[in-house]
Protein backbone atom coordinates (compact mmCIF):
# COMPACT_ATOMS: atom_id res chain seq x y z
CA MET A 1 -59.28 -69.54 344.84
CA LEU A 2 -55.77 -70.87 344.30
CA ALA A 3 -55.39 -71.80 347.97
CA LEU A 4 -58.81 -73.46 347.97
CA SER A 5 -58.05 -75.52 344.88
CA GLU A 6 -54.62 -76.52 346.26
CA MET A 7 -56.42 -77.89 349.31
CA GLY A 8 -58.65 -80.03 347.09
CA GLY A 9 -61.64 -77.72 346.86
CA ILE A 10 -63.57 -77.11 343.69
CA VAL A 11 -64.10 -73.61 342.47
CA ALA A 12 -67.36 -73.48 340.50
CA PRO A 13 -68.26 -69.92 339.59
CA PRO A 14 -71.83 -69.45 338.26
CA VAL A 15 -70.76 -68.59 334.70
CA PRO A 16 -73.55 -68.89 332.14
CA ALA A 17 -72.89 -71.51 329.44
CA PHE A 18 -74.20 -70.18 326.17
CA TYR A 19 -73.20 -73.34 324.22
CA SER A 20 -76.47 -74.87 325.48
CA GLN A 21 -78.34 -72.15 323.59
CA PRO A 22 -80.54 -70.94 326.47
CA GLU A 23 -83.79 -69.19 325.55
CA THR A 24 -84.69 -67.78 328.94
CA ILE A 25 -83.04 -66.78 332.22
CA ASP A 26 -84.55 -69.93 333.71
CA ASP A 27 -82.60 -72.02 331.18
CA ILE A 28 -79.35 -70.36 332.30
CA VAL A 29 -80.17 -70.85 336.00
CA GLU A 30 -81.21 -74.47 335.53
CA HIS A 31 -78.02 -75.29 333.58
CA THR A 32 -75.80 -73.68 336.22
CA VAL A 33 -77.61 -75.44 339.07
CA GLY A 34 -77.42 -78.72 337.17
CA ARG A 35 -73.64 -78.34 336.73
CA ILE A 36 -73.15 -77.63 340.43
CA LEU A 37 -75.35 -80.58 341.49
CA ASP A 38 -73.38 -82.75 339.05
CA LEU A 39 -70.25 -82.02 341.09
CA PHE A 40 -72.00 -83.80 343.97
CA ALA A 41 -73.12 -86.69 341.69
CA ILE A 42 -76.75 -85.60 342.04
CA GLU A 43 -78.64 -86.27 338.78
CA VAL A 44 -81.76 -84.15 338.44
CA GLY A 45 -82.05 -83.94 334.67
CA LEU A 46 -81.65 -80.17 334.44
CA MET A 47 -78.95 -80.41 331.82
CA LYS A 48 -77.65 -82.76 329.13
CA ARG A 49 -74.22 -84.26 329.78
CA TRP A 50 -71.66 -84.37 327.01
CA LYS A 51 -71.10 -87.84 325.70
CA ASN A 52 -67.53 -89.23 325.79
CA SER A 53 -66.90 -91.01 322.51
């Protein structure tokens, strides 16, 4: 993973984010998929983005 990131790659392990308070396994999967698609600038509305204020 270090070598990959040093070459400019992005390491995005599918780690569940419990700060979004998922209620089902589908919620966890959708949030993870949404985060990965966000890396490619693909907006599908599966997750809420944090607001920069």
